[in-house]
Amino acid sequence: MIFLYFGCQFVWLVPFMFFPLAQVTLSVRMCWSFPV
């Protein structure tokens, strides 16, 4: 099976202005790949 890779980005689960100290620990790396 082949996966087409479309890149990644960081998505913050908690708004930075509310929890500035948690921006790194609550970050999620969202990646897109589609099976072909």
PDB file of N, CA and C in Angstrom:
ATOM      1  N   MET A   1       0.839  -1.195   0.000  1.00  0.00           N
ATOM      2  CA  MET A   1       0.000   0.000   0.000  1.00  0.00           C
ATOM      3  C   MET A   1       0.877   1.248   0.000  1.00  0.00           C
ATOM      4  N   ILE A   2       0.480   2.225  -0.762  1.00  0.00           N
ATOM      5  CA  ILE A   2       1.243   3.473  -0.858  1.00  0.00           C
ATOM      6  C   ILE A   2       0.469   4.594  -0.161  1.00  0.00           C
ATOM      7  N   PHE A   3       1.201   5.418   0.579  1.00  0.00           N
ATOM      8  CA  PHE A   3       0.568   6.556   1.239  1.00  0.00           C
ATOM      9  C   PHE A   3       1.065   7.859   0.619  1.00  0.00           C
ATOM     10  N   LEU A   4       0.130   8.674   0.178  1.00  0.00           N
ATOM     11  CA  LEU A   4       0.491   9.982  -0.365  1.00  0.00           C
ATOM     12  C   LEU A   4       0.582  10.983   0.781  1.00  0.00           C
ATOM     13  N   TYR A   5       1.745  11.609   0.899  1.00  0.00           N
ATOM     14  CA  TYR A   5       2.007  12.496   2.027  1.00  0.00           C
ATOM     15  C   TYR A   5       1.780  13.949   1.633  1.00  0.00           C
ATOM     16  N   PHE A   6       0.940  14.650   2.413  1.00  0.00           N
ATOM     17  CA  PHE A   6       0.565  16.017   2.066  1.00  0.00           C
ATOM     18  C   PHE A   6       1.099  17.062   3.042  1.00  0.00           C
ATOM     19  N   GLY A   7       1.936  16.616   3.991  1.00  0.00           N
ATOM     20  CA  GLY A   7       2.551  17.591   4.886  1.00  0.00           C
ATOM     21  C   GLY A   7       1.942  17.608   6.277  1.00  0.00           C
ATOM     22  N   CYS A   8       2.575  18.399   7.143  1.00  0.00           N
ATOM     23  CA  CYS A   8       2.147  18.479   8.537  1.00  0.00           C
ATOM     24  C   CYS A   8       2.018  19.932   8.980  1.00  0.00           C
ATOM     25  N   GLN A   9       1.266  20.115  10.033  1.00  0.00           N
ATOM     26  CA  GLN A   9       1.227  21.422  10.671  1.00  0.00           C
ATOM     27  C   GLN A   9       0.926  21.208  12.144  1.00  0.00           C
ATOM     28  N   PHE A  10       1.264  22.210  12.964  1.00  0.00           N
ATOM     29  CA  PHE A  10       0.979  22.111  14.384  1.00  0.00           C
ATOM     30  C   PHE A  10      -0.359  22.774  14.693  1.00  0.00           C
ATOM     31  N   VAL A  11      -1.206  22.055  15.405  1.00  0.00           N
ATOM     32  CA  VAL A  11      -2.507  22.592  15.786  1.00  0.00           C
ATOM     33  C   VAL A  11      -2.562  22.678  17.306  1.00  0.00           C
ATOM     34  N   TRP A  12      -2.859  23.862  17.817  1.00  0.00           N
ATOM     35  CA  TRP A  12      -2.906  24.060  19.264  1.00  0.00           C
ATOM     36  C   TRP A  12      -4.266  23.621  19.794  1.00  0.00           C
ATOM     37  N   LEU A  13      -4.274  22.757  20.803  1.00  0.00           N
ATOM     38  CA  LEU A  13      -5.529  22.317  21.399  1.00  0.00           C
ATOM     39  C   LEU A  13      -6.095  23.383  22.330  1.00  0.00           C
ATOM     40  N   VAL A  14      -5.213  24.201  22.883  1.00  0.00           N
ATOM     41  CA  VAL A  14      -5.633  25.253  23.810  1.00  0.00           C
ATOM     42  C   VAL A  14      -5.135  26.590  23.278  1.00  0.00           C
ATOM     43  N   PRO A  15      -5.998  27.597  23.203  1.00  0.00           N
ATOM     44  CA  PRO A  15      -5.597  28.915  22.721  1.00  0.00           C
ATOM     45  C   PRO A  15      -4.425  29.457  23.527  1.00  0.00           C
ATOM     46  N   PHE A  16      -3.441  30.033  22.826  1.00  0.00           N
ATOM     47  CA  PHE A  16      -2.219  30.521  23.455  1.00  0.00           C
ATOM     48  C   PHE A  16      -2.497  31.612  24.477  1.00  0.00           C
ATOM     49  N   MET A  17      -3.482  32.454  24.218  1.00  0.00           N
ATOM     50  CA  MET A  17      -3.735  33.598  25.093  1.00  0.00           C
ATOM     51  C   MET A  17      -4.327  33.172  26.434  1.00  0.00           C
ATOM     52  N   PHE A  18      -4.873  31.954  26.502  1.00  0.00           N
ATOM     53  CA  PHE A  18      -5.435  31.487  27.762  1.00  0.00           C
ATOM     54  C   PHE A  18      -4.423  30.694  28.585  1.00  0.00           C
ATOM     55  N   PHE A  19      -3.633  29.869  27.900  1.00  0.00           N
ATOM     56  CA  PHE A  19      -2.650  29.044  28.596  1.00  0.00           C
ATOM     57  C   PHE A  19      -1.306  29.118  27.880  1.00  0.00           C
ATOM     58  N   PRO A  20      -0.597  30.249  28.025  1.00  0.00           N
ATOM     59  CA  PRO A  20       0.646  30.467  27.291  1.00  0.00           C
ATOM     60  C   PRO A  20       1.726  29.439  27.632  1.00  0.00           C
ATOM     61  N   LEU A  21       1.730  28.945  28.863  1.00  0.00           N
ATOM     62  CA  LEU A  21       2.764  28.005  29.276  1.00  0.00           C
ATOM     63  C   LEU A  21       2.502  26.603  28.744  1.00  0.00           C
ATOM     64  N   ALA A  22       1.291  26.396  28.241  1.00  0.00           N
ATOM     65  CA  ALA A  22       0.918  25.052  27.806  1.00  0.00           C
ATOM     66  C   ALA A  22       0.949  24.910  26.292  1.00  0.00           C
ATOM     67  N   GLN A  23       1.386  25.941  25.589  1.00  0.00           N
ATOM     68  CA  GLN A  23       1.288  25.911  24.128  1.00  0.00           C
ATOM     69  C   GLN A  23       2.102  24.780  23.512  1.00  0.00           C
ATOM     70  N   VAL A  24       3.232  24.443  24.117  1.00  0.00           N
ATOM     71  CA  VAL A  24       4.081  23.404  23.547  1.00  0.00           C
ATOM     72  C   VAL A  24       3.580  22.015  23.929  1.00  0.00           C
ATOM     73  N   THR A  25       3.212  21.854  25.193  1.00  0.00           N
ATOM     74  CA  THR A  25       2.827  20.530  25.668  1.00  0.00           C
ATOM     75  C   THR A  25       1.469  20.103  25.126  1.00  0.00           C
ATOM     76  N   LEU A  26       0.635  21.066  24.744  1.00  0.00           N
ATOM     77  CA  LEU A  26      -0.695  20.735  24.258  1.00  0.00           C
ATOM     78  C   LEU A  26      -0.805  20.864  22.751  1.00  0.00           C
ATOM     79  N   SER A  27       0.354  20.879  22.098  1.00  0.00           N
ATOM     80  CA  SER A  27       0.341  20.973  20.644  1.00  0.00           C
ATOM     81  C   SER A  27       0.189  19.589  20.029  1.00  0.00           C
ATOM     82  N   VAL A  28      -0.518  19.522  18.911  1.00  0.00           N
ATOM     83  CA  VAL A  28      -0.690  18.261  18.206  1.00  0.00           C
ATOM     84  C   VAL A  28      -0.194  18.436  16.788  1.00  0.00           C
ATOM     85  N   ARG A  29       0.601  17.492  16.360  1.00  0.00           N
ATOM     86  CA  ARG A  29       1.121  17.566  15.007  1.00  0.00           C
ATOM     87  C   ARG A  29       0.155  16.839  14.078  1.00  0.00           C
ATOM     88  N   MET A  30      -0.549  17.599  13.261  1.00  0.00           N
ATOM     89  CA  MET A  30      -1.525  17.018  12.357  1.00  0.00           C
ATOM     90  C   MET A  30      -0.874  16.728  11.020  1.00  0.00           C
ATOM     91  N   CYS A  31      -0.951  15.469  10.587  1.00  0.00           N
ATOM     92  CA  CYS A  31      -0.367  15.098   9.301  1.00  0.00           C
ATOM     93  C   CYS A  31      -1.442  14.494   8.414  1.00  0.00           C
ATOM     94  N   TRP A  32      -1.291  14.757   7.120  1.00  0.00           N
ATOM     95  CA  TRP A  32      -2.254  14.212   6.174  1.00  0.00           C
ATOM     96  C   TRP A  32      -1.580  13.191   5.267  1.00  0.00           C
ATOM     97  N   SER A  33      -2.142  12.010   5.231  1.00  0.00           N
ATOM     98  CA  SER A  33      -1.672  10.997   4.285  1.00  0.00           C
ATOM     99  C   SER A  33      -2.866  10.158   3.854  1.00  0.00           C
ATOM    100  N   PHE A  34      -2.907   9.824   2.587  1.00  0.00           N
ATOM    101  CA  PHE A  34      -4.040   9.079   2.063  1.00  0.00           C
ATOM    102  C   PHE A  34      -3.571   7.761   1.455  1.00  0.00           C
ATOM    103  N   PRO A  35      -4.172   6.650   1.883  1.00  0.00           N
ATOM    104  CA  PRO A  35      -3.798   5.350   1.332  1.00  0.00           C
ATOM    105  C   PRO A  35      -4.264   5.220  -0.114  1.00  0.00           C
ATOM    106  N   VAL A  36      -3.416   4.657  -0.949  1.00  0.00           N
ATOM    107  CA  VAL A  36      -3.772   4.454  -2.353  1.00  0.00           C
ATOM    108  C   VAL A  36      -3.674   2.954  -2.667  1.00  0.00           C
TER     109      VAL A  36
END
